Amino acid sequence: MWIRLTRADGNPITVNTDYLVSIQDHGDRTLIVHTCGELLVLESQLALFEALRLQPIDRDGPKRDRRAELH
């Protein structure tokens, strides 16, 4: 899937999400690590999760038993 984002300098960029490694907050921006490098974008981490239809990890929520089977 491809998504259109905004670089930190305000210029648009289209990213192939098949090659994303990680998405992390970086101040008031979001740092995307891609197999070809890093990209700083204006969109929030939550906005990216919504565009990718991902659920954010609730780090303050209930703890999961690490031995439990993943679904």
PDB file of N, CA and C in Angstrom:
ATOM      1  N   MET A   1       0.843  -1.160   0.000  1.00  0.00           N
ATOM      2  CA  MET A   1       0.000   0.000   0.000  1.00  0.00           C
ATOM      3  C   MET A   1       0.903   1.243   0.000  1.00  0.00           C
ATOM      4  N   TRP A   2       0.435   2.264  -0.658  1.00  0.00           N
ATOM      5  CA  TRP A   2       1.144   3.539  -0.701  1.00  0.00           C
ATOM      6  C   TRP A   2       0.339   4.570   0.080  1.00  0.00           C
ATOM      7  N   ILE A   3       1.026   5.430   0.835  1.00  0.00           N
ATOM      8  CA  ILE A   3       0.357   6.527   1.525  1.00  0.00           C
ATOM      9  C   ILE A   3       1.093   7.825   1.221  1.00  0.00           C
ATOM     10  N   ARG A   4       0.323   8.901   1.174  1.00  0.00           N
ATOM     11  CA  ARG A   4       0.897  10.221   0.902  1.00  0.00           C
ATOM     12  C   ARG A   4       1.090  10.939   2.231  1.00  0.00           C
ATOM     13  N   LEU A   5       2.308  11.394   2.468  1.00  0.00           N
ATOM     14  CA  LEU A   5       2.672  12.058   3.712  1.00  0.00           C
ATOM     15  C   LEU A   5       3.291  13.414   3.414  1.00  0.00           C
ATOM     16  N   THR A   6       3.615  14.145   4.479  1.00  0.00           N
ATOM     17  CA  THR A   6       4.240  15.459   4.341  1.00  0.00           C
ATOM     18  C   THR A   6       5.578  15.444   5.060  1.00  0.00           C
ATOM     19  N   ARG A   7       6.647  15.679   4.301  1.00  0.00           N
ATOM     20  CA  ARG A   7       7.984  15.761   4.911  1.00  0.00           C
ATOM     21  C   ARG A   7       8.020  16.898   5.921  1.00  0.00           C
ATOM     22  N   ALA A   8       9.000  16.871   6.810  1.00  0.00           N
ATOM     23  CA  ALA A   8       9.156  17.913   7.831  1.00  0.00           C
ATOM     24  C   ALA A   8       9.312  19.298   7.211  1.00  0.00           C
ATOM     25  N   ASP A   9       9.828  19.373   5.970  1.00  0.00           N
ATOM     26  CA  ASP A   9       9.996  20.674   5.306  1.00  0.00           C
ATOM     27  C   ASP A   9       8.730  21.139   4.583  1.00  0.00           C
ATOM     28  N   GLY A  10       7.640  20.355   4.698  1.00  0.00           N
ATOM     29  CA  GLY A  10       6.368  20.733   4.093  1.00  0.00           C
ATOM     30  C   GLY A  10       6.110  20.147   2.722  1.00  0.00           C
ATOM     31  N   ASN A  11       7.088  19.497   2.127  1.00  0.00           N
ATOM     32  CA  ASN A  11       6.914  18.905   0.805  1.00  0.00           C
ATOM     33  C   ASN A  11       6.244  17.538   0.908  1.00  0.00           C
ATOM     34  N   PRO A  12       5.361  17.223  -0.051  1.00  0.00           N
ATOM     35  CA  PRO A  12       4.688  15.922  -0.031  1.00  0.00           C
ATOM     36  C   PRO A  12       5.628  14.795  -0.458  1.00  0.00           C
ATOM     37  N   ILE A  13       5.339  13.606   0.043  1.00  0.00           N
ATOM     38  CA  ILE A  13       6.076  12.408  -0.352  1.00  0.00           C
ATOM     39  C   ILE A  13       5.108  11.227  -0.294  1.00  0.00           C
ATOM     40  N   THR A  14       5.262  10.290  -1.209  1.00  0.00           N
ATOM     41  CA  THR A  14       4.464   9.069  -1.215  1.00  0.00           C
ATOM     42  C   THR A  14       5.367   7.927  -0.794  1.00  0.00           C
ATOM     43  N   VAL A  15       4.901   7.125   0.169  1.00  0.00           N
ATOM     44  CA  VAL A  15       5.719   6.076   0.779  1.00  0.00           C
ATOM     45  C   VAL A  15       5.062   4.716   0.566  1.00  0.00           C
ATOM     46  N   ASN A  16       5.871   3.733   0.177  1.00  0.00           N
ATOM     47  CA  ASN A  16       5.404   2.355   0.063  1.00  0.00           C
ATOM     48  C   ASN A  16       5.461   1.731   1.452  1.00  0.00           C
ATOM     49  N   THR A  17       4.319   1.442   2.029  1.00  0.00           N
ATOM     50  CA  THR A  17       4.258   0.947   3.405  1.00  0.00           C
ATOM     51  C   THR A  17       4.716  -0.502   3.547  1.00  0.00           C
ATOM     52  N   ASP A  18       4.916  -1.194   2.447  1.00  0.00           N
ATOM     53  CA  ASP A  18       5.411  -2.576   2.527  1.00  0.00           C
ATOM     54  C   ASP A  18       6.821  -2.632   3.109  1.00  0.00           C
ATOM     55  N   TYR A  19       7.532  -1.513   3.083  1.00  0.00           N
ATOM     56  CA  TYR A  19       8.925  -1.507   3.509  1.00  0.00           C
ATOM     57  C   TYR A  19       9.176  -0.707   4.789  1.00  0.00           C
ATOM     58  N   LEU A  20       8.115  -0.442   5.554  1.00  0.00           N
ATOM     59  CA  LEU A  20       8.279   0.261   6.828  1.00  0.00           C
ATOM     60  C   LEU A  20       8.880  -0.675   7.864  1.00  0.00           C
ATOM     61  N   VAL A  21       9.806  -0.153   8.638  1.00  0.00           N
ATOM     62  CA  VAL A  21      10.437  -0.918   9.717  1.00  0.00           C
ATOM     63  C   VAL A  21       9.853  -0.490  11.054  1.00  0.00           C
ATOM     64  N   SER A  22       9.746   0.831  11.286  1.00  0.00           N
ATOM     65  CA  SER A  22       9.160   1.323  12.536  1.00  0.00           C
ATOM     66  C   SER A  22       8.615   2.728  12.347  1.00  0.00           C
ATOM     67  N   ILE A  23       7.712   3.092  13.264  1.00  0.00           N
ATOM     68  CA  ILE A  23       7.113   4.423  13.307  1.00  0.00           C
ATOM     69  C   ILE A  23       7.218   4.878  14.752  1.00  0.00           C
ATOM     70  N   GLN A  24       7.822   6.057  14.979  1.00  0.00           N
ATOM     71  CA  GLN A  24       7.985   6.512  16.360  1.00  0.00           C
ATOM     72  C   GLN A  24       7.856   8.026  16.465  1.00  0.00           C
ATOM     73  N   ASP A  25       7.327   8.467  17.614  1.00  0.00           N
ATOM     74  CA  ASP A  25       7.241   9.904  17.874  1.00  0.00           C
ATOM     75  C   ASP A  25       8.641  10.492  17.911  1.00  0.00           C
ATOM     76  N   HIS A  26       8.755  11.717  17.397  1.00  0.00           N
ATOM     77  CA  HIS A  26      10.038  12.419  17.388  1.00  0.00           C
ATOM     78  C   HIS A  26       9.736  13.902  17.597  1.00  0.00           C
ATOM     79  N   GLY A  27       9.534  14.281  18.866  1.00  0.00           N
ATOM     80  CA  GLY A  27       9.116  15.651  19.158  1.00  0.00           C
ATOM     81  C   GLY A  27       7.719  15.891  18.620  1.00  0.00           C
ATOM     82  N   ASP A  28       7.538  16.970  17.856  1.00  0.00           N
ATOM     83  CA  ASP A  28       6.227  17.239  17.265  1.00  0.00           C
ATOM     84  C   ASP A  28       6.110  16.650  15.861  1.00  0.00           C
ATOM     85  N   ARG A  29       6.998  15.777  15.515  1.00  0.00           N
ATOM     86  CA  ARG A  29       7.012  15.103  14.213  1.00  0.00           C
ATOM     87  C   ARG A  29       6.979  13.588  14.447  1.00  0.00           C
ATOM     88  N   THR A  30       6.999  12.830  13.354  1.00  0.00           N
ATOM     89  CA  THR A  30       7.055  11.373  13.449  1.00  0.00           C
ATOM     90  C   THR A  30       8.215  10.878  12.604  1.00  0.00           C
ATOM     91  N   LEU A  31       9.012  10.006  13.181  1.00  0.00           N
ATOM     92  CA  LEU A  31      10.146   9.416  12.480  1.00  0.00           C
ATOM     93  C   LEU A  31       9.723   8.061  11.938  1.00  0.00           C
ATOM     94  N   ILE A  32       9.865   7.895  10.634  1.00  0.00           N
ATOM     95  CA  ILE A  32       9.569   6.625   9.984  1.00  0.00           C
ATOM     96  C   ILE A  32      10.895   6.008   9.574  1.00  0.00           C
ATOM     97  N   VAL A  33      11.120   4.785  10.001  1.00  0.00           N
ATOM     98  CA  VAL A  33      12.296   4.041   9.554  1.00  0.00           C
ATOM     99  C   VAL A  33      11.810   3.102   8.463  1.00  0.00           C
ATOM    100  N   HIS A  34      12.427   3.218   7.316  1.00  0.00           N
ATOM    101  CA  HIS A  34      12.076   2.499   6.096  1.00  0.00           C
ATOM    102  C   HIS A  34      13.295   1.666   5.718  1.00  0.00           C
ATOM    103  N   THR A  35      13.128   0.637   4.949  1.00  0.00           N
ATOM    104  CA  THR A  35      14.285  -0.179   4.569  1.00  0.00           C
ATOM    105  C   THR A  35      15.334   0.621   3.800  1.00  0.00           C
ATOM    106  N   CYS A  36      14.948   1.763   3.248  1.00  0.00           N
ATOM    107  CA  CYS A  36      15.894   2.596   2.500  1.00  0.00           C
ATOM    108  C   CYS A  36      16.436   3.767   3.312  1.00  0.00           C
ATOM    109  N   GLY A  37      16.013   3.905   4.569  1.00  0.00           N
ATOM    110  CA  GLY A  37      16.505   5.003   5.394  1.00  0.00           C
ATOM    111  C   GLY A  37      15.449   5.507   6.351  1.00  0.00           C
ATOM    112  N   GLU A  38      15.604   6.756   6.766  1.00  0.00           N
ATOM    113  CA  GLU A  38      14.685   7.376   7.713  1.00  0.00           C
ATOM    114  C   GLU A  38      13.995   8.562   7.060  1.00  0.00           C
ATOM    115  N   LEU A  39      12.797   8.856   7.560  1.00  0.00           N
ATOM    116  CA  LEU A  39      11.996   9.939   7.018  1.00  0.00           C
ATOM    117  C   LEU A  39      11.280  10.628   8.171  1.00  0.00           C
ATOM    118  N   LEU A  40      11.404  11.935   8.263  1.00  0.00           N
ATOM    119  CA  LEU A  40      10.718  12.716   9.283  1.00  0.00           C
ATOM    120  C   LEU A  40       9.498  13.356   8.636  1.00  0.00           C
ATOM    121  N   VAL A  41       8.300  13.092   9.188  1.00  0.00           N
ATOM    122  CA  VAL A  41       7.064  13.598   8.593  1.00  0.00           C
ATOM    123  C   VAL A  41       6.264  14.400   9.609  1.00  0.00           C
ATOM    124  N   LEU A  42       5.352  15.238   9.093  1.00  0.00           N
ATOM    125  CA  LEU A  42       4.516  16.079   9.947  1.00  0.00           C
ATOM    126  C   LEU A  42       3.338  15.317  10.548  1.00  0.00           C
ATOM    127  N   GLU A  43       2.875  14.264   9.894  1.00  0.00           N
ATOM    128  CA  GLU A  43       1.729  13.510  10.391  1.00  0.00           C
ATOM    129  C   GLU A  43       2.070  12.843  11.721  1.00  0.00           C
ATOM    130  N   SER A  44       1.090  12.748  12.594  1.00  0.00           N
ATOM    131  CA  SER A  44       1.314  12.133  13.904  1.00  0.00           C
ATOM    132  C   SER A  44       1.405  10.615  13.776  1.00  0.00           C
ATOM    133  N   GLN A  45       2.000  10.015  14.786  1.00  0.00           N
ATOM    134  CA  GLN A  45       2.093   8.560  14.828  1.00  0.00           C
ATOM    135  C   GLN A  45       0.688   7.956  14.803  1.00  0.00           C
ATOM    136  N   LEU A  46      -0.243   8.541  15.540  1.00  0.00           N
ATOM    137  CA  LEU A  46      -1.611   8.038  15.582  1.00  0.00           C
ATOM    138  C   LEU A  46      -2.273   8.138  14.207  1.00  0.00           C
ATOM    139  N   ALA A  47      -2.051   9.245  13.494  1.00  0.00           N
ATOM    140  CA  ALA A  47      -2.613   9.401  12.148  1.00  0.00           C
ATOM    141  C   ALA A  47      -2.064   8.330  11.209  1.00  0.00           C
ATOM    142  N   LEU A  48      -0.780   8.005  11.349  1.00  0.00           N
ATOM    143  CA  LEU A  48      -0.193   6.948  10.525  1.00  0.00           C
ATOM    144  C   LEU A  48      -0.788   5.592  10.875  1.00  0.00           C
ATOM    145  N   PHE A  49      -0.959   5.318  12.169  1.00  0.00           N
ATOM    146  CA  PHE A  49      -1.575   4.055  12.582  1.00  0.00           C
ATOM    147  C   PHE A  49      -2.977   3.931  11.996  1.00  0.00           C
ATOM    148  N   GLU A  50      -3.748   5.020  12.026  1.00  0.00           N
ATOM    149  CA  GLU A  50      -5.101   4.995  11.469  1.00  0.00           C
ATOM    150  C   GLU A  50      -5.066   4.758   9.967  1.00  0.00           C
ATOM    151  N   ALA A  51      -4.155   5.414   9.257  1.00  0.00           N
ATOM    152  CA  ALA A  51      -4.037   5.229   7.809  1.00  0.00           C
ATOM    153  C   ALA A  51      -3.646   3.794   7.458  1.00  0.00           C
ATOM    154  N   LEU A  52      -2.831   3.186   8.309  1.00  0.00           N
ATOM    155  CA  LEU A  52      -2.375   1.813   8.083  1.00  0.00           C
ATOM    156  C   LEU A  52      -3.305   0.782   8.715  1.00  0.00           C
ATOM    157  N   ARG A  53      -4.354   1.264   9.371  1.00  0.00           N
ATOM    158  CA  ARG A  53      -5.317   0.401  10.070  1.00  0.00           C
ATOM    159  C   ARG A  53      -4.644  -0.459  11.136  1.00  0.00           C
ATOM    160  N   LEU A  54      -3.755   0.162  11.908  1.00  0.00           N
ATOM    161  CA  LEU A  54      -3.053  -0.509  13.002  1.00  0.00           C
ATOM    162  C   LEU A  54      -3.580  -0.002  14.335  1.00  0.00           C
ATOM    163  N   GLN A  55      -3.494  -0.829  15.347  1.00  0.00           N
ATOM    164  CA  GLN A  55      -3.870  -0.430  16.697  1.00  0.00           C
ATOM    165  C   GLN A  55      -2.613   0.006  17.438  1.00  0.00           C
ATOM    166  N   PRO A  56      -2.620   1.211  18.023  1.00  0.00           N
ATOM    167  CA  PRO A  56      -1.452   1.619  18.811  1.00  0.00           C
ATOM    168  C   PRO A  56      -1.301   0.728  20.036  1.00  0.00           C
ATOM    169  N   ILE A  57      -0.078   0.562  20.484  1.00  0.00           N
ATOM    170  CA  ILE A  57       0.199  -0.226  21.675  1.00  0.00           C
ATOM    171  C   ILE A  57      -0.115   0.632  22.893  1.00  0.00           C
ATOM    172  N   ASP A  58      -0.926   0.095  23.795  1.00  0.00           N
ATOM    173  CA  ASP A  58      -1.260   0.799  25.031  1.00  0.00           C
ATOM    174  C   ASP A  58      -0.242   0.402  26.084  1.00  0.00           C
ATOM    175  N   ARG A  59       0.785   1.207  26.242  1.00  0.00           N
ATOM    176  CA  ARG A  59       1.868   0.870  27.169  1.00  0.00           C
ATOM    177  C   ARG A  59       1.439   0.961  28.630  1.00  0.00           C
ATOM    178  N   ASP A  60       0.349   1.676  28.915  1.00  0.00           N
ATOM    179  CA  ASP A  60      -0.118   1.809  30.290  1.00  0.00           C
ATOM    180  C   ASP A  60      -1.267   0.854  30.600  1.00  0.00           C
ATOM    181  N   GLY A  61      -1.687   0.083  29.615  1.00  0.00           N
ATOM    182  CA  GLY A  61      -2.819  -0.821  29.796  1.00  0.00           C
ATOM    183  C   GLY A  61      -2.430  -2.092  30.526  1.00  0.00           C
ATOM    184  N   PRO A  62      -3.364  -3.026  30.578  1.00  0.00           N
ATOM    185  CA  PRO A  62      -3.087  -4.284  31.276  1.00  0.00           C
ATOM    186  C   PRO A  62      -1.931  -5.033  30.627  1.00  0.00           C
ATOM    187  N   LYS A  63      -1.160  -5.688  31.443  1.00  0.00           N
ATOM    188  CA  LYS A  63      -0.004  -6.441  30.957  1.00  0.00           C
ATOM    189  C   LYS A  63      -0.454  -7.804  30.442  1.00  0.00           C
ATOM    190  N   ARG A  64       0.093  -8.202  29.322  1.00  0.00           N
ATOM    191  CA  ARG A  64      -0.220  -9.486  28.722  1.00  0.00           C
ATOM    192  C   ARG A  64       0.779 -10.517  29.210  1.00  0.00           C
ATOM    193  N   ASP A  65       0.292 -11.718  29.441  1.00  0.00           N
ATOM    194  CA  ASP A  65       1.167 -12.826  29.818  1.00  0.00           C
ATOM    195  C   ASP A  65       2.023 -13.172  28.606  1.00  0.00           C
ATOM    196  N   ARG A  66       3.329 -13.002  28.710  1.00  0.00           N
ATOM    197  CA  ARG A  66       4.235 -13.246  27.582  1.00  0.00           C
ATOM    198  C   ARG A  66       4.201 -14.693  27.109  1.00  0.00           C
ATOM    199  N   ARG A  67       3.724 -15.596  27.949  1.00  0.00           N
ATOM    200  CA  ARG A  67       3.643 -17.008  27.560  1.00  0.00           C
ATOM    201  C   ARG A  67       2.363 -17.306  26.795  1.00  0.00           C
ATOM    202  N   ALA A  68       1.417 -16.362  26.805  1.00  0.00           N
ATOM    203  CA  ALA A  68       0.138 -16.577  26.134  1.00  0.00           C
ATOM    204  C   ALA A  68       0.334 -16.574  24.622  1.00  0.00           C
ATOM    205  N   GLU A  69      -0.505 -17.335  23.952  1.00  0.00           N
ATOM    206  CA  GLU A  69      -0.431 -17.435  22.496  1.00  0.00           C
ATOM    207  C   GLU A  69      -0.881 -16.120  21.859  1.00  0.00           C
ATOM    208  N   LEU A  70      -0.178 -15.694  20.828  1.00  0.00           N
ATOM    209  CA  LEU A  70      -0.555 -14.491  20.084  1.00  0.00           C
ATOM    210  C   LEU A  70      -1.586 -14.861  19.032  1.00  0.00           C
ATOM    211  N   HIS A  71      -2.489 -13.929  18.741  1.00  0.00           N
ATOM    212  CA  HIS A  71      -3.521 -14.178  17.720  1.00  0.00           C
ATOM    213  C   HIS A  71      -3.360 -13.210  16.600  1.00  0.00           C
TER     214      HIS A  71
END
